[in-house]
Amino acid sequence: MKNTLKLFGITILFVVIVLSVSACATDISNWQAHWNAQPVRLEKASYNILGDVRIERTYTRVLGLFEKGGITYADFLDEARRVYPDTDAIIDVHLDAIITRNPFFYKRRYVAVGFAIRYN
């Protein structure tokens, strides 16, 4: 009985390790898959810069199960339209993250800065 229980425990441990390692495997890196696009070149005469926009949001994860918050381009555009009502887009976006973590709690504070523009 002890040998069967020991063999069962070793088998379960092996399956958990194999599944954990295989879950991290991929054949395409994020950089190659998403960041190969060339930047859009806009002529200066095709838009007017209305001003700079800054937004801060917080993302929180507890125990790896519960998530709340984050930041999206739509949030950023809404903030720009609140400050400059005739905003069409935001360019030159910079996103910084300040990370706080411990074994149970993970928190990121995002700070995004960009320029609100109006197309001519």
PDB file of N, CA and C in Angstrom:
ATOM      1  N   MET A   1       0.824  -1.195   0.000  1.00  0.00           N
ATOM      2  CA  MET A   1       0.000   0.000   0.000  1.00  0.00           C
ATOM      3  C   MET A   1       0.863   1.252   0.000  1.00  0.00           C
ATOM      4  N   LYS A   2       1.945   1.255   0.808  1.00  0.00           N
ATOM      5  CA  LYS A   2       2.813   2.418   0.870  1.00  0.00           C
ATOM      6  C   LYS A   2       3.509   2.653  -0.463  1.00  0.00           C
ATOM      7  N   ASN A   3       3.924   1.561  -1.123  1.00  0.00           N
ATOM      8  CA  ASN A   3       4.598   1.698  -2.417  1.00  0.00           C
ATOM      9  C   ASN A   3       3.651   2.256  -3.481  1.00  0.00           C
ATOM     10  N   THR A   4       2.407   1.812  -3.463  1.00  0.00           N
ATOM     11  CA  THR A   4       1.418   2.313  -4.416  1.00  0.00           C
ATOM     12  C   THR A   4       1.152   3.795  -4.185  1.00  0.00           C
ATOM     13  N   LEU A   5       1.030   4.191  -2.943  1.00  0.00           N
ATOM     14  CA  LEU A   5       0.795   5.597  -2.603  1.00  0.00           C
ATOM     15  C   LEU A   5       2.002   6.457  -2.983  1.00  0.00           C
ATOM     16  N   LYS A   6       3.188   5.923  -2.742  1.00  0.00           N
ATOM     17  CA  LYS A   6       4.414   6.646  -3.102  1.00  0.00           C
ATOM     18  C   LYS A   6       4.523   6.798  -4.619  1.00  0.00           C
ATOM     19  N   LEU A   7       4.227   5.741  -5.361  1.00  0.00           N
ATOM     20  CA  LEU A   7       4.264   5.795  -6.827  1.00  0.00           C
ATOM     21  C   LEU A   7       3.218   6.780  -7.360  1.00  0.00           C
ATOM     22  N   PHE A   8       2.040   6.778  -6.754  1.00  0.00           N
ATOM     23  CA  PHE A   8       0.992   7.719  -7.160  1.00  0.00           C
ATOM     24  C   PHE A   8       1.429   9.162  -6.916  1.00  0.00           C
ATOM     25  N   GLY A   9       2.040   9.431  -5.771  1.00  0.00           N
ATOM     26  CA  GLY A   9       2.526  10.775  -5.452  1.00  0.00           C
ATOM     27  C   GLY A   9       3.616  11.223  -6.409  1.00  0.00           C
ATOM     28  N   ILE A  10       4.537  10.342  -6.745  1.00  0.00           N
ATOM     29  CA  ILE A  10       5.610  10.680  -7.697  1.00  0.00           C
ATOM     30  C   ILE A  10       5.028  10.949  -9.078  1.00  0.00           C
ATOM     31  N   THR A  11       4.049  10.167  -9.484  1.00  0.00           N
ATOM     32  CA  THR A  11       3.403  10.373 -10.788  1.00  0.00           C
ATOM     33  C   THR A  11       2.703  11.725 -10.840  1.00  0.00           C
ATOM     34  N   ILE A  12       1.973  12.068  -9.811  1.00  0.00           N
ATOM     35  CA  ILE A  12       1.281  13.362  -9.750  1.00  0.00           C
ATOM     36  C   ILE A  12       2.290  14.502  -9.775  1.00  0.00           C
ATOM     37  N   LEU A  13       3.365  14.383  -9.019  1.00  0.00           N
ATOM     38  CA  LEU A  13       4.408  15.407  -9.002  1.00  0.00           C
ATOM     39  C   LEU A  13       5.026  15.576 -10.379  1.00  0.00           C
ATOM     40  N   PHE A  14       5.290  14.478 -11.068  1.00  0.00           N
ATOM     41  CA  PHE A  14       5.855  14.524 -12.413  1.00  0.00           C
ATOM     42  C   PHE A  14       4.897  15.229 -13.384  1.00  0.00           C
ATOM     43  N   VAL A  15       3.622  14.893 -13.314  1.00  0.00           N
ATOM     44  CA  VAL A  15       2.626  15.520 -14.197  1.00  0.00           C
ATOM     45  C   VAL A  15       2.535  17.019 -13.932  1.00  0.00           C
ATOM     46  N   VAL A  16       2.553  17.422 -12.675  1.00  0.00           N
ATOM     47  CA  VAL A  16       2.492  18.849 -12.330  1.00  0.00           C
ATOM     48  C   VAL A  16       3.713  19.584 -12.869  1.00  0.00           C
ATOM     49  N   ILE A  17       4.899  19.002 -12.734  1.00  0.00           N
ATOM     50  CA  ILE A  17       6.120  19.650 -13.236  1.00  0.00           C
ATOM     51  C   ILE A  17       6.089  19.758 -14.746  1.00  0.00           C
ATOM     52  N   VAL A  18       5.695  18.693 -15.440  1.00  0.00           N
ATOM     53  CA  VAL A  18       5.639  18.717 -16.905  1.00  0.00           C
ATOM     54  C   VAL A  18       4.636  19.756 -17.389  1.00  0.00           C
ATOM     55  N   LEU A  19       3.464  19.819 -16.780  1.00  0.00           N
ATOM     56  CA  LEU A  19       2.457  20.796 -17.184  1.00  0.00           C
ATOM     57  C   LEU A  19       2.916  22.225 -16.880  1.00  0.00           C
ATOM     58  N   SER A  20       3.596  22.421 -15.780  1.00  0.00           N
ATOM     59  CA  SER A  20       4.082  23.762 -15.435  1.00  0.00           C
ATOM     60  C   SER A  20       5.117  24.247 -16.433  1.00  0.00           C
ATOM     61  N   VAL A  21       6.027  23.388 -16.818  1.00  0.00           N
ATOM     62  CA  VAL A  21       7.080  23.773 -17.756  1.00  0.00           C
ATOM     63  C   VAL A  21       6.517  23.949 -19.158  1.00  0.00           C
ATOM     64  N   SER A  22       5.614  23.080 -19.571  1.00  0.00           N
ATOM     65  CA  SER A  22       5.084  23.174 -20.930  1.00  0.00           C
ATOM     66  C   SER A  22       4.156  24.376 -21.107  1.00  0.00           C
ATOM     67  N   ALA A  23       3.567  24.872 -20.034  1.00  0.00           N
ATOM     68  CA  ALA A  23       2.685  26.030 -20.125  1.00  0.00           C
ATOM     69  C   ALA A  23       3.465  27.294 -20.465  1.00  0.00           C
ATOM     70  N   CYS A  24       4.758  27.302 -20.206  1.00  0.00           N
ATOM     71  CA  CYS A  24       5.583  28.475 -20.479  1.00  0.00           C
ATOM     72  C   CYS A  24       6.190  28.447 -21.873  1.00  0.00           C
ATOM     73  N   ALA A  25       6.027  27.378 -22.604  1.00  0.00           N
ATOM     74  CA  ALA A  25       6.684  27.238 -23.904  1.00  0.00           C
ATOM     75  C   ALA A  25       5.872  27.892 -25.003  1.00  0.00           C
ATOM     76  N   THR A  26       6.554  28.542 -25.917  1.00  0.00           N
ATOM     77  CA  THR A  26       5.938  29.113 -27.100  1.00  0.00           C
ATOM     78  C   THR A  26       6.988  29.169 -28.194  1.00  0.00           C
ATOM     79  N   ASP A  27       6.541  29.238 -29.434  1.00  0.00           N
ATOM     80  CA  ASP A  27       7.504  29.264 -30.527  1.00  0.00           C
ATOM     81  C   ASP A  27       7.661  30.646 -31.155  1.00  0.00           C
ATOM     82  N   ILE A  28       6.868  31.620 -30.728  1.00  0.00           N
ATOM     83  CA  ILE A  28       6.977  32.984 -31.243  1.00  0.00           C
ATOM     84  C   ILE A  28       7.072  33.930 -30.059  1.00  0.00           C
ATOM     85  N   SER A  29       8.080  34.744 -30.057  1.00  0.00           N
ATOM     86  CA  SER A  29       8.197  35.709 -28.957  1.00  0.00           C
ATOM     87  C   SER A  29       7.204  36.843 -29.172  1.00  0.00           C
ATOM     88  N   ASN A  30       6.834  37.503 -28.090  1.00  0.00           N
ATOM     89  CA  ASN A  30       5.917  38.643 -28.191  1.00  0.00           C
ATOM     90  C   ASN A  30       6.505  39.736 -29.055  1.00  0.00           C
ATOM     91  N   TRP A  31       7.809  39.942 -28.932  1.00  0.00           N
ATOM     92  CA  TRP A  31       8.439  41.010 -29.699  1.00  0.00           C
ATOM     93  C   TRP A  31       8.289  40.751 -31.182  1.00  0.00           C
ATOM     94  N   GLN A  32       8.527  39.532 -31.623  1.00  0.00           N
ATOM     95  CA  GLN A  32       8.424  39.211 -33.042  1.00  0.00           C
ATOM     96  C   GLN A  32       6.976  39.253 -33.511  1.00  0.00           C
ATOM     97  N   ALA A  33       6.073  38.793 -32.679  1.00  0.00           N
ATOM     98  CA  ALA A  33       4.680  38.694 -33.093  1.00  0.00           C
ATOM     99  C   ALA A  33       3.982  40.046 -33.133  1.00  0.00           C
ATOM    100  N   HIS A  34       4.328  40.972 -32.230  1.00  0.00           N
ATOM    101  CA  HIS A  34       3.532  42.182 -32.091  1.00  0.00           C
ATOM    102  C   HIS A  34       4.279  43.483 -32.352  1.00  0.00           C
ATOM    103  N   TRP A  35       5.583  43.465 -32.377  1.00  0.00           N
ATOM    104  CA  TRP A  35       6.306  44.720 -32.428  1.00  0.00           C
ATOM    105  C   TRP A  35       7.131  44.903 -33.694  1.00  0.00           C
ATOM    106  N   ASN A  36       6.834  44.162 -34.757  1.00  0.00           N
ATOM    107  CA  ASN A  36       7.557  44.325 -36.006  1.00  0.00           C
ATOM    108  C   ASN A  36       6.955  45.416 -36.893  1.00  0.00           C
ATOM    109  N   ALA A  37       5.833  45.960 -36.514  1.00  0.00           N
ATOM    110  CA  ALA A  37       5.167  46.971 -37.332  1.00  0.00           C
ATOM    111  C   ALA A  37       6.014  48.238 -37.425  1.00  0.00           C
ATOM    112  N   GLN A  38       5.997  48.849 -38.598  1.00  0.00           N
ATOM    113  CA  GLN A  38       6.711  50.102 -38.799  1.00  0.00           C
ATOM    114  C   GLN A  38       5.866  51.247 -38.246  1.00  0.00           C
ATOM    115  N   PRO A  39       6.478  52.254 -37.668  1.00  0.00           N
ATOM    116  CA  PRO A  39       5.696  53.384 -37.158  1.00  0.00           C
ATOM    117  C   PRO A  39       5.045  54.157 -38.299  1.00  0.00           C
ATOM    118  N   VAL A  40       3.909  54.731 -38.000  1.00  0.00           N
ATOM    119  CA  VAL A  40       3.197  55.543 -38.989  1.00  0.00           C
ATOM    120  C   VAL A  40       3.866  56.900 -39.064  1.00  0.00           C
ATOM    121  N   ARG A  41       4.168  57.340 -40.261  1.00  0.00           N
ATOM    122  CA  ARG A  41       4.793  58.644 -40.455  1.00  0.00           C
ATOM    123  C   ARG A  41       3.708  59.640 -40.873  1.00  0.00           C
ATOM    124  N   LEU A  42       3.414  60.593 -40.008  1.00  0.00           N
ATOM    125  CA  LEU A  42       2.420  61.616 -40.300  1.00  0.00           C
ATOM    126  C   LEU A  42       3.131  62.897 -40.708  1.00  0.00           C
ATOM    127  N   GLU A  43       2.632  63.513 -41.725  1.00  0.00           N
ATOM    128  CA  GLU A  43       3.159  64.816 -42.108  1.00  0.00           C
ATOM    129  C   GLU A  43       2.728  65.829 -41.052  1.00  0.00           C
ATOM    130  N   LYS A  44       3.602  66.754 -40.724  1.00  0.00           N
ATOM    131  CA  LYS A  44       3.312  67.747 -39.681  1.00  0.00           C
ATOM    132  C   LYS A  44       2.080  68.565 -40.024  1.00  0.00           C
ATOM    133  N   ALA A  45       1.868  68.818 -41.280  1.00  0.00           N
ATOM    134  CA  ALA A  45       0.729  69.646 -41.686  1.00  0.00           C
ATOM    135  C   ALA A  45      -0.603  68.899 -41.579  1.00  0.00           C
ATOM    136  N   SER A  46      -0.589  67.587 -41.346  1.00  0.00           N
ATOM    137  CA  SER A  46      -1.838  66.827 -41.338  1.00  0.00           C
ATOM    138  C   SER A  46      -2.526  66.798 -39.965  1.00  0.00           C
ATOM    139  N   TYR A  47      -1.895  67.362 -38.937  1.00  0.00           N
ATOM    140  CA  TYR A  47      -2.519  67.385 -37.621  1.00  0.00           C
ATOM    141  C   TYR A  47      -2.017  68.578 -36.811  1.00  0.00           C
ATOM    142  N   ASN A  48      -2.796  68.930 -35.779  1.00  0.00           N
ATOM    143  CA  ASN A  48      -2.419  69.972 -34.829  1.00  0.00           C
ATOM    144  C   ASN A  48      -2.281  69.339 -33.447  1.00  0.00           C
ATOM    145  N   ILE A  49      -1.223  69.685 -32.748  1.00  0.00           N
ATOM    146  CA  ILE A  49      -1.038  69.182 -31.383  1.00  0.00           C
ATOM    147  C   ILE A  49      -1.826  70.078 -30.437  1.00  0.00           C
ATOM    148  N   LEU A  50      -2.740  69.459 -29.680  1.00  0.00           N
ATOM    149  CA  LEU A  50      -3.572  70.207 -28.742  1.00  0.00           C
ATOM    150  C   LEU A  50      -2.884  70.374 -27.385  1.00  0.00           C
ATOM    151  N   GLY A  51      -2.098  69.408 -26.989  1.00  0.00           N
ATOM    152  CA  GLY A  51      -1.399  69.482 -25.707  1.00  0.00           C
ATOM    153  C   GLY A  51      -1.073  68.095 -25.189  1.00  0.00           C
ATOM    154  N   ASP A  52      -0.391  68.062 -24.073  1.00  0.00           N
ATOM    155  CA  ASP A  52      -0.031  66.765 -23.505  1.00  0.00           C
ATOM    156  C   ASP A  52      -1.114  66.273 -22.557  1.00  0.00           C
ATOM    157  N   VAL A  53      -1.190  64.934 -22.452  1.00  0.00           N
ATOM    158  CA  VAL A  53      -2.197  64.280 -21.625  1.00  0.00           C
ATOM    159  C   VAL A  53      -1.481  63.273 -20.732  1.00  0.00           C
ATOM    160  N   ARG A  54      -1.918  63.202 -19.489  1.00  0.00           N
ATOM    161  CA  ARG A  54      -1.340  62.259 -18.527  1.00  0.00           C
ATOM    162  C   ARG A  54      -2.478  61.539 -17.820  1.00  0.00           C
ATOM    163  N   ILE A  55      -2.321  60.238 -17.648  1.00  0.00           N
ATOM    164  CA  ILE A  55      -3.330  59.450 -16.959  1.00  0.00           C
ATOM    165  C   ILE A  55      -2.616  58.430 -16.067  1.00  0.00           C
ATOM    166  N   GLU A  56      -3.190  58.169 -14.903  1.00  0.00           N
ATOM    167  CA  GLU A  56      -2.652  57.175 -13.975  1.00  0.00           C
ATOM    168  C   GLU A  56      -3.759  56.199 -13.613  1.00  0.00           C
ATOM    169  N   ARG A  57      -3.443  54.927 -13.674  1.00  0.00           N
ATOM    170  CA  ARG A  57      -4.386  53.883 -13.281  1.00  0.00           C
ATOM    171  C   ARG A  57      -3.626  52.801 -12.512  1.00  0.00           C
ATOM    172  N   THR A  58      -4.354  52.022 -11.734  1.00  0.00           N
ATOM    173  CA  THR A  58      -3.751  50.961 -10.938  1.00  0.00           C
ATOM    174  C   THR A  58      -4.340  49.612 -11.328  1.00  0.00           C
ATOM    175  N   TYR A  59      -3.475  48.621 -11.423  1.00  0.00           N
ATOM    176  CA  TYR A  59      -3.862  47.230 -11.662  1.00  0.00           C
ATOM    177  C   TYR A  59      -3.481  46.442 -10.411  1.00  0.00           C
ATOM    178  N   THR A  60      -4.408  45.650  -9.878  1.00  0.00           N
ATOM    179  CA  THR A  60      -4.163  44.891  -8.653  1.00  0.00           C
ATOM    180  C   THR A  60      -4.540  43.433  -8.875  1.00  0.00           C
ATOM    181  N   ARG A  61      -3.690  42.539  -8.372  1.00  0.00           N
ATOM    182  CA  ARG A  61      -3.979  41.104  -8.419  1.00  0.00           C
ATOM    183  C   ARG A  61      -3.703  40.533  -7.029  1.00  0.00           C
ATOM    184  N   VAL A  62      -4.677  39.767  -6.507  1.00  0.00           N
ATOM    185  CA  VAL A  62      -4.552  39.176  -5.181  1.00  0.00           C
ATOM    186  C   VAL A  62      -4.567  37.658  -5.331  1.00  0.00           C
ATOM    187  N   LEU A  63      -3.536  37.016  -4.798  1.00  0.00           N
ATOM    188  CA  LEU A  63      -3.401  35.555  -4.807  1.00  0.00           C
ATOM    189  C   LEU A  63      -3.431  34.958  -6.212  1.00  0.00           C
ATOM    190  N   GLY A  64      -3.194  35.753  -7.223  1.00  0.00           N
ATOM    191  CA  GLY A  64      -3.228  35.257  -8.593  1.00  0.00           C
ATOM    192  C   GLY A  64      -4.614  34.903  -9.079  1.00  0.00           C
ATOM    193  N   LEU A  65      -5.630  35.223  -8.309  1.00  0.00           N
ATOM    194  CA  LEU A  65      -7.001  34.849  -8.650  1.00  0.00           C
ATOM    195  C   LEU A  65      -7.888  36.034  -8.975  1.00  0.00           C
ATOM    196  N   PHE A  66      -7.758  37.095  -8.215  1.00  0.00           N
ATOM    197  CA  PHE A  66      -8.640  38.244  -8.359  1.00  0.00           C
ATOM    198  C   PHE A  66      -7.859  39.404  -8.969  1.00  0.00           C
ATOM    199  N   GLU A  67      -8.370  39.939 -10.070  1.00  0.00           N
ATOM    200  CA  GLU A  67      -7.706  41.046 -10.756  1.00  0.00           C
ATOM    201  C   GLU A  67      -8.655  42.222 -10.869  1.00  0.00           C
ATOM    202  N   LYS A  68      -8.084  43.420 -10.812  1.00  0.00           N
ATOM    203  CA  LYS A  68      -8.904  44.625 -10.916  1.00  0.00           C
ATOM    204  C   LYS A  68      -8.043  45.736 -11.498  1.00  0.00           C
ATOM    205  N   GLY A  69      -8.624  46.516 -12.395  1.00  0.00           N
ATOM    206  CA  GLY A  69      -7.959  47.709 -12.893  1.00  0.00           C
ATOM    207  C   GLY A  69      -7.196  47.488 -14.175  1.00  0.00           C
ATOM    208  N   GLY A  70      -6.277  48.401 -14.441  1.00  0.00           N
ATOM    209  CA  GLY A  70      -5.495  48.392 -15.667  1.00  0.00           C
ATOM    210  C   GLY A  70      -5.718  49.675 -16.440  1.00  0.00           C
ATOM    211  N   ILE A  71      -5.084  49.767 -17.591  1.00  0.00           N
ATOM    212  CA  ILE A  71      -5.200  50.955 -18.418  1.00  0.00           C
ATOM    213  C   ILE A  71      -5.342  50.531 -19.872  1.00  0.00           C
ATOM    214  N   THR A  72      -6.167  51.240 -20.610  1.00  0.00           N
ATOM    215  CA  THR A  72      -6.353  50.967 -22.034  1.00  0.00           C
ATOM    216  C   THR A  72      -6.223  52.266 -22.817  1.00  0.00           C
ATOM    217  N   TYR A  73      -6.061  52.117 -24.131  1.00  0.00           N
ATOM    218  CA  TYR A  73      -6.003  53.293 -24.991  1.00  0.00           C
ATOM    219  C   TYR A  73      -7.328  54.052 -24.933  1.00  0.00           C
ATOM    220  N   ALA A  74      -8.432  53.329 -24.798  1.00  0.00           N
ATOM    221  CA  ALA A  74      -9.744  53.981 -24.709  1.00  0.00           C
ATOM    222  C   ALA A  74      -9.831  54.872 -23.468  1.00  0.00           C
ATOM    223  N   ASP A  75      -9.297  54.400 -22.336  1.00  0.00           N
ATOM    224  CA  ASP A  75      -9.248  55.242 -21.126  1.00  0.00           C
ATOM    225  C   ASP A  75      -8.432  56.499 -21.372  1.00  0.00           C
ATOM    226  N   PHE A  76      -7.302  56.306 -22.033  1.00  0.00           N
ATOM    227  CA  PHE A  76      -6.396  57.409 -22.336  1.00  0.00           C
ATOM    228  C   PHE A  76      -7.077  58.421 -23.257  1.00  0.00           C
ATOM    229  N   LEU A  77      -7.767  57.925 -24.286  1.00  0.00           N
ATOM    230  CA  LEU A  77      -8.469  58.807 -25.223  1.00  0.00           C
ATOM    231  C   LEU A  77      -9.627  59.536 -24.541  1.00  0.00           C
ATOM    232  N   ASP A  78     -10.339  58.868 -23.649  1.00  0.00           N
ATOM    233  CA  ASP A  78     -11.417  59.531 -22.894  1.00  0.00           C
ATOM    234  C   ASP A  78     -10.876  60.670 -22.042  1.00  0.00           C
ATOM    235  N   GLU A  79      -9.725  60.443 -21.391  1.00  0.00           N
ATOM    236  CA  GLU A  79      -9.105  61.495 -20.586  1.00  0.00           C
ATOM    237  C   GLU A  79      -8.670  62.667 -21.464  1.00  0.00           C
ATOM    238  N   ALA A  80      -8.119  62.355 -22.640  1.00  0.00           N
ATOM    239  CA  ALA A  80      -7.707  63.418 -23.557  1.00  0.00           C
ATOM    240  C   ALA A  80      -8.918  64.219 -24.032  1.00  0.00           C
ATOM    241  N   ARG A  81     -10.019  63.545 -24.300  1.00  0.00           N
ATOM    242  CA  ARG A  81     -11.231  64.248 -24.752  1.00  0.00           C
ATOM    243  C   ARG A  81     -11.872  65.054 -23.632  1.00  0.00           C
ATOM    244  N   ARG A  82     -11.651  64.646 -22.393  1.00  0.00           N
ATOM    245  CA  ARG A  82     -12.142  65.440 -21.265  1.00  0.00           C
ATOM    246  C   ARG A  82     -11.370  66.754 -21.173  1.00  0.00           C
ATOM    247  N   VAL A  83     -10.047  66.685 -21.392  1.00  0.00           N
ATOM    248  CA  VAL A  83      -9.211  67.882 -21.313  1.00  0.00           C
ATOM    249  C   VAL A  83      -9.309  68.715 -22.593  1.00  0.00           C
ATOM    250  N   TYR A  84      -9.235  68.047 -23.744  1.00  0.00           N
ATOM    251  CA  TYR A  84      -9.322  68.708 -25.051  1.00  0.00           C
ATOM    252  C   TYR A  84     -10.471  68.064 -25.821  1.00  0.00           C
ATOM    253  N   PRO A  85     -11.664  68.656 -25.827  1.00  0.00           N
ATOM    254  CA  PRO A  85     -12.857  68.008 -26.379  1.00  0.00           C
ATOM    255  C   PRO A  85     -12.772  67.608 -27.851  1.00  0.00           C
ATOM    256  N   ASP A  86     -11.961  68.279 -28.661  1.00  0.00           N
ATOM    257  CA  ASP A  86     -11.898  67.935 -30.087  1.00  0.00           C
ATOM    258  C   ASP A  86     -10.713  67.031 -30.434  1.00  0.00           C
ATOM    259  N   THR A  87     -10.291  66.188 -29.507  1.00  0.00           N
ATOM    260  CA  THR A  87      -9.183  65.260 -29.738  1.00  0.00           C
ATOM    261  C   THR A  87      -9.610  64.136 -30.669  1.00  0.00           C
ATOM    262  N   ASP A  88      -8.762  63.850 -31.681  1.00  0.00           N
ATOM    263  CA  ASP A  88      -9.003  62.731 -32.590  1.00  0.00           C
ATOM    264  C   ASP A  88      -8.156  61.510 -32.231  1.00  0.00           C
ATOM    265  N   ALA A  89      -6.951  61.724 -31.738  1.00  0.00           N
ATOM    266  CA  ALA A  89      -6.047  60.613 -31.426  1.00  0.00           C
ATOM    267  C   ALA A  89      -4.992  61.077 -30.434  1.00  0.00           C
ATOM    268  N   ILE A  90      -4.204  60.114 -29.977  1.00  0.00           N
ATOM    269  CA  ILE A  90      -3.080  60.412 -29.090  1.00  0.00           C
ATOM    270  C   ILE A  90      -1.838  59.806 -29.724  1.00  0.00           C
ATOM    271  N   ILE A  91      -0.779  60.589 -29.791  1.00  0.00           N
ATOM    272  CA  ILE A  91       0.472  60.103 -30.372  1.00  0.00           C
ATOM    273  C   ILE A  91       1.601  60.206 -29.356  1.00  0.00           C
ATOM    274  N   ASP A  92       2.706  59.567 -29.677  1.00  0.00           N
ATOM    275  CA  ASP A  92       3.914  59.594 -28.847  1.00  0.00           C
ATOM    276  C   ASP A  92       3.599  59.185 -27.410  1.00  0.00           C
ATOM    277  N   VAL A  93       2.990  58.018 -27.281  1.00  0.00           N
ATOM    278  CA  VAL A  93       2.559  57.520 -25.977  1.00  0.00           C
ATOM    279  C   VAL A  93       3.725  56.838 -25.259  1.00  0.00           C
ATOM    280  N   HIS A  94       3.919  57.190 -24.021  1.00  0.00           N
ATOM    281  CA  HIS A  94       4.911  56.553 -23.159  1.00  0.00           C
ATOM    282  C   HIS A  94       4.183  55.982 -21.958  1.00  0.00           C
ATOM    283  N   LEU A  95       4.491  54.740 -21.629  1.00  0.00           N
ATOM    284  CA  LEU A  95       3.826  54.059 -20.525  1.00  0.00           C
ATOM    285  C   LEU A  95       4.879  53.573 -19.532  1.00  0.00           C
ATOM    286  N   ASP A  96       4.745  54.012 -18.294  1.00  0.00           N
ATOM    287  CA  ASP A  96       5.633  53.578 -17.218  1.00  0.00           C
ATOM    288  C   ASP A  96       4.812  52.782 -16.217  1.00  0.00           C
ATOM    289  N   ALA A  97       5.469  51.816 -15.575  1.00  0.00           N
ATOM    290  CA  ALA A  97       4.793  51.016 -14.563  1.00  0.00           C
ATOM    291  C   ALA A  97       5.647  50.973 -13.300  1.00  0.00           C
ATOM    292  N   ILE A  98       5.005  51.192 -12.184  1.00  0.00           N
ATOM    293  CA  ILE A  98       5.656  51.099 -10.886  1.00  0.00           C
ATOM    294  C   ILE A  98       5.058  49.869 -10.205  1.00  0.00           C
ATOM    295  N   ILE A  99       5.907  48.880  -9.909  1.00  0.00           N
ATOM    296  CA  ILE A  99       5.431  47.575  -9.456  1.00  0.00           C
ATOM    297  C   ILE A  99       5.718  47.370  -7.973  1.00  0.00           C
ATOM    298  N   THR A 100       4.696  46.890  -7.255  1.00  0.00           N
ATOM    299  CA  THR A 100       4.819  46.483  -5.863  1.00  0.00           C
ATOM    300  C   THR A 100       4.329  45.049  -5.770  1.00  0.00           C
ATOM    301  N   ARG A 101       5.130  44.170  -5.158  1.00  0.00           N
ATOM    302  CA  ARG A 101       4.689  42.780  -5.079  1.00  0.00           C
ATOM    303  C   ARG A 101       5.169  42.103  -3.799  1.00  0.00           C
ATOM    304  N   ASN A 102       4.394  41.117  -3.401  1.00  0.00           N
ATOM    305  CA  ASN A 102       4.761  40.180  -2.352  1.00  0.00           C
ATOM    306  C   ASN A 102       4.080  38.863  -2.713  1.00  0.00           C
ATOM    307  N   PRO A 103       4.234  37.787  -1.948  1.00  0.00           N
ATOM    308  CA  PRO A 103       3.671  36.498  -2.368  1.00  0.00           C
ATOM    309  C   PRO A 103       2.149  36.481  -2.570  1.00  0.00           C
ATOM    310  N   PHE A 104       1.428  37.384  -1.956  1.00  0.00           N
ATOM    311  CA  PHE A 104      -0.031  37.339  -2.034  1.00  0.00           C
ATOM    312  C   PHE A 104      -0.637  38.486  -2.824  1.00  0.00           C
ATOM    313  N   PHE A 105       0.103  39.533  -3.029  1.00  0.00           N
ATOM    314  CA  PHE A 105      -0.448  40.778  -3.555  1.00  0.00           C
ATOM    315  C   PHE A 105       0.486  41.335  -4.635  1.00  0.00           C
ATOM    316  N   TYR A 106      -0.082  41.731  -5.755  1.00  0.00           N
ATOM    317  CA  TYR A 106       0.697  42.291  -6.855  1.00  0.00           C
ATOM    318  C   TYR A 106      -0.008  43.559  -7.310  1.00  0.00           C
ATOM    319  N   LYS A 107       0.707  44.654  -7.379  1.00  0.00           N
ATOM    320  CA  LYS A 107       0.096  45.933  -7.733  1.00  0.00           C
ATOM    321  C   LYS A 107       1.000  46.664  -8.711  1.00  0.00           C
ATOM    322  N   ARG A 108       0.405  47.156  -9.810  1.00  0.00           N
ATOM    323  CA  ARG A 108       1.120  47.970 -10.787  1.00  0.00           C
ATOM    324  C   ARG A 108       0.411  49.314 -10.903  1.00  0.00           C
ATOM    325  N   ARG A 109       1.151  50.375 -10.790  1.00  0.00           N
ATOM    326  CA  ARG A 109       0.591  51.701 -11.036  1.00  0.00           C
ATOM    327  C   ARG A 109       1.117  52.160 -12.383  1.00  0.00           C
ATOM    328  N   TYR A 110       0.208  52.344 -13.338  1.00  0.00           N
ATOM    329  CA  TYR A 110       0.568  52.776 -14.680  1.00  0.00           C
ATOM    330  C   TYR A 110       0.491  54.289 -14.780  1.00  0.00           C
ATOM    331  N   VAL A 111       1.466  54.871 -15.432  1.00  0.00           N
ATOM    332  CA  VAL A 111       1.461  56.296 -15.737  1.00  0.00           C
ATOM    333  C   VAL A 111       1.682  56.411 -17.243  1.00  0.00           C
ATOM    334  N   ALA A 112       0.691  56.923 -17.952  1.00  0.00           N
ATOM    335  CA  ALA A 112       0.780  57.081 -19.404  1.00  0.00           C
ATOM    336  C   ALA A 112       0.793  58.567 -19.748  1.00  0.00           C
ATOM    337  N   VAL A 113       1.675  58.937 -20.688  1.00  0.00           N
ATOM    338  CA  VAL A 113       1.807  60.321 -21.130  1.00  0.00           C
ATOM    339  C   VAL A 113       1.855  60.318 -22.652  1.00  0.00           C
ATOM    340  N   GLY A 114       1.162  61.263 -23.258  1.00  0.00           N
ATOM    341  CA  GLY A 114       1.166  61.375 -24.708  1.00  0.00           C
ATOM    342  C   GLY A 114       0.663  62.742 -25.139  1.00  0.00           C
ATOM    343  N   PHE A 115       0.598  62.942 -26.467  1.00  0.00           N
ATOM    344  CA  PHE A 115       0.120  64.202 -27.018  1.00  0.00           C
ATOM    345  C   PHE A 115      -1.226  63.995 -27.689  1.00  0.00           C
ATOM    346  N   ALA A 116      -2.189  64.822 -27.326  1.00  0.00           N
ATOM    347  CA  ALA A 116      -3.493  64.810 -27.966  1.00  0.00           C
ATOM    348  C   ALA A 116      -3.395  65.605 -29.262  1.00  0.00           C
ATOM    349  N   ILE A 117      -3.935  65.024 -30.360  1.00  0.00           N
ATOM    350  CA  ILE A 117      -3.882  65.721 -31.650  1.00  0.00           C
ATOM    351  C   ILE A 117      -5.280  65.802 -32.270  1.00  0.00           C
ATOM    352  N   ARG A 118      -5.430  66.734 -33.195  1.00  0.00           N
ATOM    353  CA  ARG A 118      -6.634  66.864 -34.011  1.00  0.00           C
ATOM    354  C   ARG A 118      -6.179  66.850 -35.462  1.00  0.00           C
ATOM    355  N   TYR A 119      -6.761  65.953 -36.253  1.00  0.00           N
ATOM    356  CA  TYR A 119      -6.413  65.891 -37.673  1.00  0.00           C
ATOM    357  C   TYR A 119      -7.012  67.054 -38.423  1.00  0.00           C
ATOM    358  N   ASN A 120      -6.291  67.548 -39.425  1.00  0.00           N
ATOM    359  CA  ASN A 120      -6.799  68.655 -40.263  1.00  0.00           C
ATOM    360  C   ASN A 120      -7.747  68.149 -41.313  1.00  0.00           C
TER     361      ASN A 120
END
